[in-house]
Amino acid sequence: MRKGGALRTAAVVAVGGALAMSLTACGGTGHRRPAGHGGPAERTPGRGAFPSRVPGIGDHMWHRVPSGSRQVVAVHGAGPDSPDATVDFFTKHGSHWERAGSWPAHNGRKGWTTDHHEGDQRTPVGVFTLSDAGGVLENPGAKLPYTRSAAFQAPRSWTKNAWHDFDYVIAIDFNRVKGTPPNDPTRPQGQSRGGGIWLHMDHGSGTSACVTLSESAMRYLLRSLDPRQHPVVVMGDKADLQA
């Protein structure tokens, strides 16, 4: 049930081990969270000539972006085995793409994979839609359907620096059912295929498969991603993206 077409009810109950399974892909770490939960300093690029396609994405990936998509979150991994990445947010205006924001980020602690499976600690390479959001905190003004629930809270058995990882999350539509809360445990392709892969708040190092950004970056994306613009995430290490 949604309120105003954008909000779901806050009462979301985790059944049995469902929540634990949905959080497995993200996972906690023993690394220190940077001050302010924000990771390295963010950067906003200067504006220049607007390209006719998102820079750094080659034909193979670009042809997988739906023609109706007018918002692209591009995750450029530093290398196939690196946990470091940069996230660029592009919006389409007419026939041209404009970069609206750019932030340092992290991905799977072992890098990237084109054949993701549960527990490999690598982030799947590909183009995925972005349909649902949620988190522990109150909706900051998201246009995507947003589920607020304490069920998103990271386990207190994780190190303290990871306790706020799921204050804000945006589900990446990899092996999940669109139109459900991000922590819905249903995996249409099977449990071993992995799932529970999100954009969420950064704790300063690599993840089990998710992509992480600062709190301010997550708030910006939540307020900007619009289902009417058919947003997608295009992600992978730079070589895969440029192929």
C-alpha atoms as a PDB file:
ATOM      1  CA  MET A   1       0.000   0.000   0.000  1.00  0.00           C
ATOM      2  CA  ARG A   2       1.393   3.436  -0.910  1.00  0.00           C
ATOM      3  CA  LYS A   3       0.603   6.903   0.342  1.00  0.00           C
ATOM      4  CA  GLY A   4       0.468   9.558  -2.364  1.00  0.00           C
ATOM      5  CA  GLY A   5       1.699   7.019  -4.905  1.00  0.00           C
ATOM      6  CA  ALA A   6       5.226   7.163  -3.492  1.00  0.00           C
ATOM      7  CA  LEU A   7       5.260   5.848   0.085  1.00  0.00           C
ATOM      8  CA  ARG A   8       4.710   2.368   1.436  1.00  0.00           C
ATOM      9  CA  THR A   9       3.565   1.709   4.955  1.00  0.00           C
ATOM     10  CA  ALA A  10       6.345   1.688   7.487  1.00  0.00           C
ATOM     11  CA  ALA A  11       5.277  -1.567   9.067  1.00  0.00           C
ATOM     12  CA  VAL A  12       7.397  -4.138   7.296  1.00  0.00           C
ATOM     13  CA  VAL A  13       7.956  -7.346   9.265  1.00  0.00           C
ATOM     14  CA  ALA A  14      10.944  -9.624   8.612  1.00  0.00           C
ATOM     15  CA  VAL A  15       9.880 -13.279   8.618  1.00  0.00           C
ATOM     16  CA  GLY A  16      12.288 -15.847  10.084  1.00  0.00           C
ATOM     17  CA  GLY A  17      15.729 -15.419   8.524  1.00  0.00           C
ATOM     18  CA  ALA A  18      14.463 -13.320   5.594  1.00  0.00           C
ATOM     19  CA  LEU A  19      16.082 -10.102   6.759  1.00  0.00           C
ATOM     20  CA  ALA A  20      19.420 -11.775   7.425  1.00  0.00           C
ATOM     21  CA  MET A  21      19.392 -13.207   3.906  1.00  0.00           C
ATOM     22  CA  SER A  22      18.550  -9.867   2.318  1.00  0.00           C
ATOM     23  CA  LEU A  23      21.412  -8.149   4.150  1.00  0.00           C
ATOM     24  CA  THR A  24      23.992 -10.816   3.346  1.00  0.00           C
ATOM     25  CA  ALA A  25      25.044  -9.277   0.044  1.00  0.00           C
ATOM     26  CA  CYS A  26      25.809  -5.976   1.736  1.00  0.00           C
ATOM     27  CA  GLY A  27      27.407  -7.204   4.943  1.00  0.00           C
ATOM     28  CA  GLY A  28      29.389  -5.388   7.626  1.00  0.00           C
ATOM     29  CA  THR A  29      33.137  -4.896   7.820  1.00  0.00           C
ATOM     30  CA  GLY A  30      35.729  -4.199  10.444  1.00  0.00           C
ATOM     31  CA  HIS A  31      36.892  -1.016   8.767  1.00  0.00           C
ATOM     32  CA  ARG A  32      36.468   2.440  10.210  1.00  0.00           C
ATOM     33  CA  ARG A  33      33.660   4.643   8.932  1.00  0.00           C
ATOM     34  CA  PRO A  34      35.039   8.058   7.902  1.00  0.00           C
ATOM     35  CA  ALA A  35      33.951  11.086   9.899  1.00  0.00           C
ATOM     36  CA  GLY A  36      30.427  12.146   9.061  1.00  0.00           C
ATOM     37  CA  HIS A  37      29.689   8.774   7.415  1.00  0.00           C
ATOM     38  CA  GLY A  38      30.605  10.379   4.129  1.00  0.00           C
ATOM     39  CA  GLY A  39      33.766   8.702   2.893  1.00  0.00           C
ATOM     40  CA  PRO A  40      36.297  10.756   0.900  1.00  0.00           C
ATOM     41  CA  ALA A  41      35.491  14.306  -0.111  1.00  0.00           C
ATOM     42  CA  GLU A  42      32.866  14.521  -2.814  1.00  0.00           C
ATOM     43  CA  ARG A  43      33.453  16.337  -6.075  1.00  0.00           C
ATOM     44  CA  THR A  44      31.118  18.153  -8.413  1.00  0.00           C
ATOM     45  CA  PRO A  45      32.456  18.297 -11.960  1.00  0.00           C
ATOM     46  CA  GLY A  46      32.497  21.417 -14.046  1.00  0.00           C
ATOM     47  CA  ARG A  47      29.981  21.670 -16.830  1.00  0.00           C
ATOM     48  CA  GLY A  48      31.126  21.509 -20.407  1.00  0.00           C
ATOM     49  CA  ALA A  49      29.695  20.341 -23.709  1.00  0.00           C
ATOM     50  CA  PHE A  50      26.968  17.775 -23.084  1.00  0.00           C
ATOM     51  CA  PRO A  51      27.580  14.365 -24.730  1.00  0.00           C
ATOM     52  CA  SER A  52      25.040  12.388 -26.754  1.00  0.00           C
ATOM     53  CA  ARG A  53      25.685   9.348 -24.531  1.00  0.00           C
ATOM     54  CA  VAL A  54      27.072   8.774 -21.063  1.00  0.00           C
ATOM     55  CA  PRO A  55      30.883   9.000 -21.245  1.00  0.00           C
ATOM     56  CA  GLY A  56      32.973   5.936 -20.399  1.00  0.00           C
ATOM     57  CA  ILE A  57      30.305   3.440 -21.474  1.00  0.00           C
ATOM     58  CA  GLY A  58      31.022   1.448 -24.638  1.00  0.00           C
ATOM     59  CA  ASP A  59      28.666  -0.025 -27.205  1.00  0.00           C
ATOM     60  CA  HIS A  60      28.191  -3.362 -25.409  1.00  0.00           C
ATOM     61  CA  MET A  61      26.787  -1.763 -22.259  1.00  0.00           C
ATOM     62  CA  TRP A  62      25.120   1.223 -23.878  1.00  0.00           C
ATOM     63  CA  HIS A  63      22.965  -0.972 -26.094  1.00  0.00           C
ATOM     64  CA  ARG A  64      21.540  -2.557 -22.924  1.00  0.00           C
ATOM     65  CA  VAL A  65      20.274   0.779 -21.581  1.00  0.00           C
ATOM     66  CA  PRO A  66      16.533   0.969 -22.343  1.00  0.00           C
ATOM     67  CA  SER A  67      15.721   3.618 -24.928  1.00  0.00           C
ATOM     68  CA  GLY A  68      13.236   5.236 -22.556  1.00  0.00           C
ATOM     69  CA  SER A  69      15.743   5.722 -19.734  1.00  0.00           C
ATOM     70  CA  ARG A  70      16.502   9.362 -19.019  1.00  0.00           C
ATOM     71  CA  GLN A  71      18.492   8.867 -15.818  1.00  0.00           C
ATOM     72  CA  VAL A  72      21.679   6.807 -15.518  1.00  0.00           C
ATOM     73  CA  VAL A  73      23.711   6.069 -12.401  1.00  0.00           C
ATOM     74  CA  ALA A  74      27.120   5.048 -13.771  1.00  0.00           C
ATOM     75  CA  VAL A  75      29.369   3.119 -11.372  1.00  0.00           C
ATOM     76  CA  HIS A  76      32.943   3.095 -12.671  1.00  0.00           C
ATOM     77  CA  GLY A  77      35.044   0.556 -10.768  1.00  0.00           C
ATOM     78  CA  ALA A  78      38.736   1.326 -10.443  1.00  0.00           C
ATOM     79  CA  GLY A  79      39.682  -2.206 -11.531  1.00  0.00           C
ATOM     80  CA  PRO A  80      38.352  -5.764 -11.824  1.00  0.00           C
ATOM     81  CA  ASP A  81      39.622  -6.701  -8.351  1.00  0.00           C
ATOM     82  CA  SER A  82      39.347  -3.293  -6.668  1.00  0.00           C
ATOM     83  CA  PRO A  83      36.727  -2.180  -4.111  1.00  0.00           C
ATOM     84  CA  ASP A  84      37.078   1.472  -5.132  1.00  0.00           C
ATOM     85  CA  ALA A  85      34.735   3.192  -7.556  1.00  0.00           C
ATOM     86  CA  THR A  86      33.279   6.488  -8.725  1.00  0.00           C
ATOM     87  CA  VAL A  87      29.554   7.062  -9.185  1.00  0.00           C
ATOM     88  CA  ASP A  88      28.353   9.575 -11.770  1.00  0.00           C
ATOM     89  CA  PHE A  89      24.702  10.573 -12.120  1.00  0.00           C
ATOM     90  CA  PHE A  90      23.505  11.614 -15.579  1.00  0.00           C
ATOM     91  CA  THR A  91      20.177  12.985 -16.747  1.00  0.00           C
ATOM     92  CA  LYS A  92      19.010  13.248 -20.344  1.00  0.00           C
ATOM     93  CA  HIS A  93      17.890  16.571 -21.755  1.00  0.00           C
ATOM     94  CA  GLY A  94      16.645  16.325 -25.309  1.00  0.00           C
ATOM     95  CA  SER A  95      19.253  14.199 -27.070  1.00  0.00           C
ATOM     96  CA  HIS A  96      22.107  15.032 -24.699  1.00  0.00           C
ATOM     97  CA  TRP A  97      23.232  13.734 -21.308  1.00  0.00           C
ATOM     98  CA  GLU A  98      24.233  16.051 -18.493  1.00  0.00           C
ATOM     99  CA  ARG A  99      26.279  14.960 -15.492  1.00  0.00           C
ATOM    100  CA  ALA A 100      24.426  16.173 -12.413  1.00  0.00           C
ATOM    101  CA  GLY A 101      26.693  14.729  -9.733  1.00  0.00           C
ATOM    102  CA  SER A 102      29.795  12.659  -9.069  1.00  0.00           C
ATOM    103  CA  TRP A 103      30.918  10.924  -5.877  1.00  0.00           C
ATOM    104  CA  PRO A 104      33.596   8.497  -4.625  1.00  0.00           C
ATOM    105  CA  ALA A 105      32.146   5.078  -3.842  1.00  0.00           C
ATOM    106  CA  HIS A 106      32.903   1.455  -2.986  1.00  0.00           C
ATOM    107  CA  ASN A 107      31.836  -1.856  -4.494  1.00  0.00           C
ATOM    108  CA  GLY A 108      32.464  -5.515  -3.643  1.00  0.00           C
ATOM    109  CA  ARG A 109      35.647  -5.966  -1.620  1.00  0.00           C
ATOM    110  CA  LYS A 110      36.977  -8.433  -4.222  1.00  0.00           C
ATOM    111  CA  GLY A 111      35.941  -6.306  -7.184  1.00  0.00           C
ATOM    112  CA  TRP A 112      33.560  -7.186 -10.025  1.00  0.00           C
ATOM    113  CA  THR A 113      32.131 -10.224 -11.799  1.00  0.00           C
ATOM    114  CA  THR A 114      30.017 -10.989 -14.865  1.00  0.00           C
ATOM    115  CA  ASP A 115      28.746 -14.159 -13.125  1.00  0.00           C
ATOM    116  CA  HIS A 116      27.765 -13.130  -9.611  1.00  0.00           C
ATOM    117  CA  HIS A 117      26.915 -15.793  -7.030  1.00  0.00           C
ATOM    118  CA  GLU A 118      26.112 -15.673  -3.338  1.00  0.00           C
ATOM    119  CA  GLY A 119      29.170 -15.031  -1.194  1.00  0.00           C
ATOM    120  CA  ASP A 120      31.681 -14.225  -3.941  1.00  0.00           C
ATOM    121  CA  GLN A 121      32.145 -10.693  -2.534  1.00  0.00           C
ATOM    122  CA  ARG A 122      32.060  -9.240  -6.029  1.00  0.00           C
ATOM    123  CA  THR A 123      29.575  -6.788  -7.505  1.00  0.00           C
ATOM    124  CA  PRO A 124      27.722  -7.890 -10.640  1.00  0.00           C
ATOM    125  CA  VAL A 125      28.609  -6.123 -13.880  1.00  0.00           C
ATOM    126  CA  GLY A 126      25.634  -5.003 -15.910  1.00  0.00           C
ATOM    127  CA  VAL A 127      22.718  -2.670 -16.547  1.00  0.00           C
ATOM    128  CA  PHE A 128      19.909  -2.879 -13.982  1.00  0.00           C
ATOM    129  CA  THR A 129      16.753  -0.903 -13.353  1.00  0.00           C
ATOM    130  CA  LEU A 130      16.174   1.030 -10.125  1.00  0.00           C
ATOM    131  CA  SER A 131      12.605   0.615  -8.901  1.00  0.00           C
ATOM    132  CA  ASP A 132      12.389   0.682  -5.099  1.00  0.00           C
ATOM    133  CA  ALA A 133      13.988   2.361  -2.098  1.00  0.00           C
ATOM    134  CA  GLY A 134      13.785   2.379   1.672  1.00  0.00           C
ATOM    135  CA  GLY A 135      15.748   2.452   4.871  1.00  0.00           C
ATOM    136  CA  VAL A 136      15.791   2.983   8.609  1.00  0.00           C
ATOM    137  CA  LEU A 137      15.383   6.750   8.331  1.00  0.00           C
ATOM    138  CA  GLU A 138      12.377   8.796   7.330  1.00  0.00           C
ATOM    139  CA  ASN A 139      11.786   9.289   3.622  1.00  0.00           C
ATOM    140  CA  PRO A 140      13.966  12.273   2.583  1.00  0.00           C
ATOM    141  CA  GLY A 141      11.696  13.086  -0.355  1.00  0.00           C
ATOM    142  CA  ALA A 142      12.216  10.073  -2.592  1.00  0.00           C
ATOM    143  CA  LYS A 143      10.329   9.807  -5.852  1.00  0.00           C
ATOM    144  CA  LEU A 144      10.834   6.036  -5.949  1.00  0.00           C
ATOM    145  CA  PRO A 145       8.472   4.029  -3.710  1.00  0.00           C
ATOM    146  CA  TYR A 146      10.082   4.221  -0.276  1.00  0.00           C
ATOM    147  CA  THR A 147       9.663   1.748   2.592  1.00  0.00           C
ATOM    148  CA  ARG A 148      10.726   3.001   6.003  1.00  0.00           C
ATOM    149  CA  SER A 149      11.229   0.236   8.535  1.00  0.00           C
ATOM    150  CA  ALA A 150      13.388  -0.711  11.500  1.00  0.00           C
ATOM    151  CA  ALA A 151      13.730  -4.077   9.763  1.00  0.00           C
ATOM    152  CA  PHE A 152      16.487  -2.492   7.643  1.00  0.00           C
ATOM    153  CA  GLN A 153      18.652  -1.945  10.711  1.00  0.00           C
ATOM    154  CA  ALA A 154      22.071  -3.571  10.358  1.00  0.00           C
ATOM    155  CA  PRO A 155      22.690  -6.294  12.973  1.00  0.00           C
ATOM    156  CA  ARG A 156      24.397  -5.023  16.118  1.00  0.00           C
ATOM    157  CA  SER A 157      26.753  -7.990  15.813  1.00  0.00           C
ATOM    158  CA  TRP A 158      28.402  -6.072  12.961  1.00  0.00           C
ATOM    159  CA  THR A 159      31.123  -3.579  13.753  1.00  0.00           C
ATOM    160  CA  LYS A 160      29.801  -0.206  14.846  1.00  0.00           C
ATOM    161  CA  ASN A 161      31.033   1.605  11.761  1.00  0.00           C
ATOM    162  CA  ALA A 162      28.519  -0.388   9.666  1.00  0.00           C
ATOM    163  CA  TRP A 163      25.450   0.181  11.852  1.00  0.00           C
ATOM    164  CA  HIS A 164      24.184   3.019   9.655  1.00  0.00           C
ATOM    165  CA  ASP A 165      24.774   1.335   6.291  1.00  0.00           C
ATOM    166  CA  PHE A 166      21.069   0.856   5.620  1.00  0.00           C
ATOM    167  CA  ASP A 167      19.751   4.193   6.848  1.00  0.00           C
ATOM    168  CA  TYR A 168      19.061   4.787   3.140  1.00  0.00           C
ATOM    169  CA  VAL A 169      19.008   2.114   0.441  1.00  0.00           C
ATOM    170  CA  ILE A 170      18.061   1.901  -3.232  1.00  0.00           C
ATOM    171  CA  ALA A 171      17.477  -1.611  -4.546  1.00  0.00           C
ATOM    172  CA  ILE A 172      19.402  -2.661  -7.653  1.00  0.00           C
ATOM    173  CA  ASP A 173      17.075  -4.904  -9.644  1.00  0.00           C
ATOM    174  CA  PHE A 174      19.353  -7.941  -9.711  1.00  0.00           C
ATOM    175  CA  ASN A 175      17.554 -11.218  -8.918  1.00  0.00           C
ATOM    176  CA  ARG A 176      14.683  -9.491  -7.129  1.00  0.00           C
ATOM    177  CA  VAL A 177      11.006  -8.718  -7.660  1.00  0.00           C
ATOM    178  CA  LYS A 178      10.369  -5.130  -8.722  1.00  0.00           C
ATOM    179  CA  GLY A 179       7.704  -3.275  -6.810  1.00  0.00           C
ATOM    180  CA  THR A 180       8.590  -4.826  -3.455  1.00  0.00           C
ATOM    181  CA  PRO A 181      10.575  -3.383  -0.524  1.00  0.00           C
ATOM    182  CA  PRO A 182      14.352  -3.635  -1.035  1.00  0.00           C
ATOM    183  CA  ASN A 183      14.634  -6.192   1.770  1.00  0.00           C
ATOM    184  CA  ASP A 184      12.068  -8.573   0.256  1.00  0.00           C
ATOM    185  CA  PRO A 185      14.026 -11.886   0.206  1.00  0.00           C
ATOM    186  CA  THR A 186      12.452 -13.315  -2.954  1.00  0.00           C
ATOM    187  CA  ARG A 187      15.095 -14.327  -5.506  1.00  0.00           C
ATOM    188  CA  PRO A 188      13.481 -15.429  -8.787  1.00  0.00           C
ATOM    189  CA  GLN A 189      16.733 -16.944 -10.113  1.00  0.00           C
ATOM    190  CA  GLY A 190      17.418 -18.883  -6.918  1.00  0.00           C
ATOM    191  CA  GLN A 191      19.270 -18.249  -3.679  1.00  0.00           C
ATOM    192  CA  SER A 192      22.683 -19.270  -5.012  1.00  0.00           C
ATOM    193  CA  ARG A 193      22.514 -16.570  -7.679  1.00  0.00           C
ATOM    194  CA  GLY A 194      22.838 -13.916  -4.985  1.00  0.00           C
ATOM    195  CA  GLY A 195      20.690 -10.886  -4.296  1.00  0.00           C
ATOM    196  CA  GLY A 196      20.013  -8.090  -1.855  1.00  0.00           C
ATOM    197  CA  ILE A 197      22.307  -5.835  -3.891  1.00  0.00           C
ATOM    198  CA  TRP A 198      21.729  -2.180  -3.122  1.00  0.00           C
ATOM    199  CA  LEU A 199      23.053   1.316  -3.340  1.00  0.00           C
ATOM    200  CA  HIS A 200      23.453   2.250   0.317  1.00  0.00           C
ATOM    201  CA  MET A 201      25.484   4.337   2.733  1.00  0.00           C
ATOM    202  CA  ASP A 202      29.236   3.967   2.822  1.00  0.00           C
ATOM    203  CA  HIS A 203      31.315   2.609   5.710  1.00  0.00           C
ATOM    204  CA  GLY A 204      34.675   3.459   4.171  1.00  0.00           C
ATOM    205  CA  SER A 205      35.663   0.202   2.445  1.00  0.00           C
ATOM    206  CA  GLY A 206      34.509  -2.614   0.168  1.00  0.00           C
ATOM    207  CA  THR A 207      31.240  -4.505   0.566  1.00  0.00           C
ATOM    208  CA  SER A 208      29.949  -8.017  -0.012  1.00  0.00           C
ATOM    209  CA  ALA A 209      28.405  -6.920  -3.347  1.00  0.00           C
ATOM    210  CA  CYS A 210      26.625  -3.586  -2.876  1.00  0.00           C
ATOM    211  CA  VAL A 211      27.685  -0.119  -4.049  1.00  0.00           C
ATOM    212  CA  THR A 212      28.061   2.461  -1.286  1.00  0.00           C
ATOM    213  CA  LEU A 213      28.052   6.252  -1.198  1.00  0.00           C
ATOM    214  CA  SER A 214      28.004   9.027   1.381  1.00  0.00           C
ATOM    215  CA  GLU A 215      24.795   9.967   3.160  1.00  0.00           C
ATOM    216  CA  SER A 216      24.520  13.233   1.234  1.00  0.00           C
ATOM    217  CA  ALA A 217      24.955  11.391  -2.080  1.00  0.00           C
ATOM    218  CA  MET A 218      22.249   8.894  -1.150  1.00  0.00           C
ATOM    219  CA  ARG A 219      19.872  11.686  -0.173  1.00  0.00           C
ATOM    220  CA  TYR A 220      20.558  13.407  -3.483  1.00  0.00           C
ATOM    221  CA  LEU A 221      19.886  10.271  -5.508  1.00  0.00           C
ATOM    222  CA  LEU A 222      16.743   9.453  -3.535  1.00  0.00           C
ATOM    223  CA  ARG A 223      15.375  12.915  -4.252  1.00  0.00           C
ATOM    224  CA  SER A 224      16.410  12.792  -7.914  1.00  0.00           C
ATOM    225  CA  LEU A 225      15.666   9.291  -9.213  1.00  0.00           C
ATOM    226  CA  ASP A 226      12.230   9.418 -10.775  1.00  0.00           C
ATOM    227  CA  PRO A 227      10.318   6.307 -11.906  1.00  0.00           C
ATOM    228  CA  ARG A 228       8.820   8.392 -14.720  1.00  0.00           C
ATOM    229  CA  GLN A 229      12.360   8.764 -16.100  1.00  0.00           C
ATOM    230  CA  HIS A 230      13.007   4.983 -15.990  1.00  0.00           C
ATOM    231  CA  PRO A 231      16.313   5.180 -14.099  1.00  0.00           C
ATOM    232  CA  VAL A 232      18.989   2.503 -14.466  1.00  0.00           C
ATOM    233  CA  VAL A 233      22.381   1.768 -12.983  1.00  0.00           C
ATOM    234  CA  VAL A 234      25.217   0.860 -15.351  1.00  0.00           C
ATOM    235  CA  MET A 235      28.049  -0.648 -13.347  1.00  0.00           C
ATOM    236  CA  GLY A 236      31.317  -2.485 -13.653  1.00  0.00           C
ATOM    237  CA  ASP A 237      35.044  -1.958 -13.722  1.00  0.00           C
ATOM    238  CA  LYS A 238      36.209   0.588 -16.270  1.00  0.00           C
ATOM    239  CA  ALA A 239      37.332  -2.018 -18.817  1.00  0.00           C
ATOM    240  CA  ASP A 240      33.957  -3.758 -18.790  1.00  0.00           C
ATOM    241  CA  LEU A 241      32.083  -0.480 -19.078  1.00  0.00           C
ATOM    242  CA  GLN A 242      34.179   0.728 -22.000  1.00  0.00           C
ATOM    243  CA  ALA A 243      33.945  -2.523 -24.013  1.00  0.00           C
END
